[in-house]
Amino acid sequence: MNKDIATDRTAREELASKHGRLATPTLVIDGRVFLGFKQNREEIEKLIDKTGGAQ
């Protein structure tokens, strides 16, 4: 599920309360939280393949 924190106040508040910051991209995959894509790309791609992609 994609949430746009730039336009969705509820999504912005949820991100800040759950993860303590408004870093983007913040990805939550199978319960794991990733702040940033580049430094986590390999692990993110493995999890996406394992879980079947975006939901």
C-alpha atoms as a PDB file:
ATOM      1  CA  MET A   1       0.000   0.000   0.000  1.00  0.00           C
ATOM      2  CA  ASN A   2       1.383   3.422  -0.922  1.00  0.00           C
ATOM      3  CA  LYS A   3       0.767   6.433   1.279  1.00  0.00           C
ATOM      4  CA  ASP A   4       1.766   9.956   0.236  1.00  0.00           C
ATOM      5  CA  ILE A   5       2.824  11.851   3.349  1.00  0.00           C
ATOM      6  CA  ALA A   6       3.074  15.070   1.341  1.00  0.00           C
ATOM      7  CA  THR A   7      -0.679  15.133   0.753  1.00  0.00           C
ATOM      8  CA  ASP A   8      -2.127  12.818   3.419  1.00  0.00           C
ATOM      9  CA  ARG A   9      -1.971  14.245   6.941  1.00  0.00           C
ATOM     10  CA  THR A  10      -3.144  10.993   8.530  1.00  0.00           C
ATOM     11  CA  ALA A  11      -0.397   9.038   6.766  1.00  0.00           C
ATOM     12  CA  ARG A  12       2.179  11.614   7.878  1.00  0.00           C
ATOM     13  CA  GLU A  13       1.052  11.352  11.509  1.00  0.00           C
ATOM     14  CA  GLU A  14       1.029   7.552  11.317  1.00  0.00           C
ATOM     15  CA  LEU A  15       4.600   7.486   9.967  1.00  0.00           C
ATOM     16  CA  ALA A  16       5.858   9.816  12.669  1.00  0.00           C
ATOM     17  CA  SER A  17       4.108   7.973  15.496  1.00  0.00           C
ATOM     18  CA  LYS A  18       5.050   4.444  14.386  1.00  0.00           C
ATOM     19  CA  HIS A  19       8.627   5.067  13.276  1.00  0.00           C
ATOM     20  CA  GLY A  20       9.616   8.259  15.062  1.00  0.00           C
ATOM     21  CA  ARG A  21      10.532  10.266  11.988  1.00  0.00           C
ATOM     22  CA  LEU A  22       9.377  11.422   8.586  1.00  0.00           C
ATOM     23  CA  ALA A  23      12.198   9.906   6.524  1.00  0.00           C
ATOM     24  CA  THR A  24      11.266   9.061   2.979  1.00  0.00           C
ATOM     25  CA  PRO A  25      11.188   6.604   1.605  1.00  0.00           C
ATOM     26  CA  THR A  26      10.169   4.570   4.610  1.00  0.00           C
ATOM     27  CA  LEU A  27       9.214   1.076   3.582  1.00  0.00           C
ATOM     28  CA  VAL A  28       7.522  -1.470   5.813  1.00  0.00           C
ATOM     29  CA  ILE A  29       7.712  -4.955   4.328  1.00  0.00           C
ATOM     30  CA  ASP A  30       6.576  -8.011   6.235  1.00  0.00           C
ATOM     31  CA  GLY A  31       6.895  -6.066   9.488  1.00  0.00           C
ATOM     32  CA  ARG A  32      10.452  -4.849   8.767  1.00  0.00           C
ATOM     33  CA  VAL A  33      11.080  -1.097   8.558  1.00  0.00           C
ATOM     34  CA  PHE A  34      13.578   0.361   6.091  1.00  0.00           C
ATOM     35  CA  LEU A  35      14.558   4.030   6.122  1.00  0.00           C
ATOM     36  CA  GLY A  36      15.867   4.712   2.657  1.00  0.00           C
ATOM     37  CA  PHE A  37      16.066   2.506  -0.391  1.00  0.00           C
ATOM     38  CA  LYS A  38      19.577   2.643  -1.810  1.00  0.00           C
ATOM     39  CA  GLN A  39      21.425   1.265   1.207  1.00  0.00           C
ATOM     40  CA  ASN A  40      18.798  -1.484   1.707  1.00  0.00           C
ATOM     41  CA  ARG A  41      18.019  -2.321  -1.913  1.00  0.00           C
ATOM     42  CA  GLU A  42      19.180  -5.947  -1.954  1.00  0.00           C
ATOM     43  CA  GLU A  43      17.287  -6.904   1.199  1.00  0.00           C
ATOM     44  CA  ILE A  44      14.177  -4.982   0.094  1.00  0.00           C
ATOM     45  CA  GLU A  45      14.136  -6.753  -3.277  1.00  0.00           C
ATOM     46  CA  LYS A  46      14.434 -10.157  -1.576  1.00  0.00           C
ATOM     47  CA  LEU A  47      11.524  -9.359   0.745  1.00  0.00           C
ATOM     48  CA  ILE A  48       9.385  -8.066  -2.111  1.00  0.00           C
ATOM     49  CA  ASP A  49      10.008 -11.272  -4.048  1.00  0.00           C
ATOM     50  CA  LYS A  50       9.236 -13.354  -0.930  1.00  0.00           C
ATOM     51  CA  THR A  51       6.003 -11.528  -0.069  1.00  0.00           C
ATOM     52  CA  GLY A  52       4.695 -11.232  -3.615  1.00  0.00           C
ATOM     53  CA  GLY A  53       5.094  -7.481  -4.148  1.00  0.00           C
ATOM     54  CA  ALA A  54       3.146  -4.391  -3.118  1.00  0.00           C
ATOM     55  CA  GLN A  55      -0.171  -4.788  -1.379  1.00  0.00           C
END
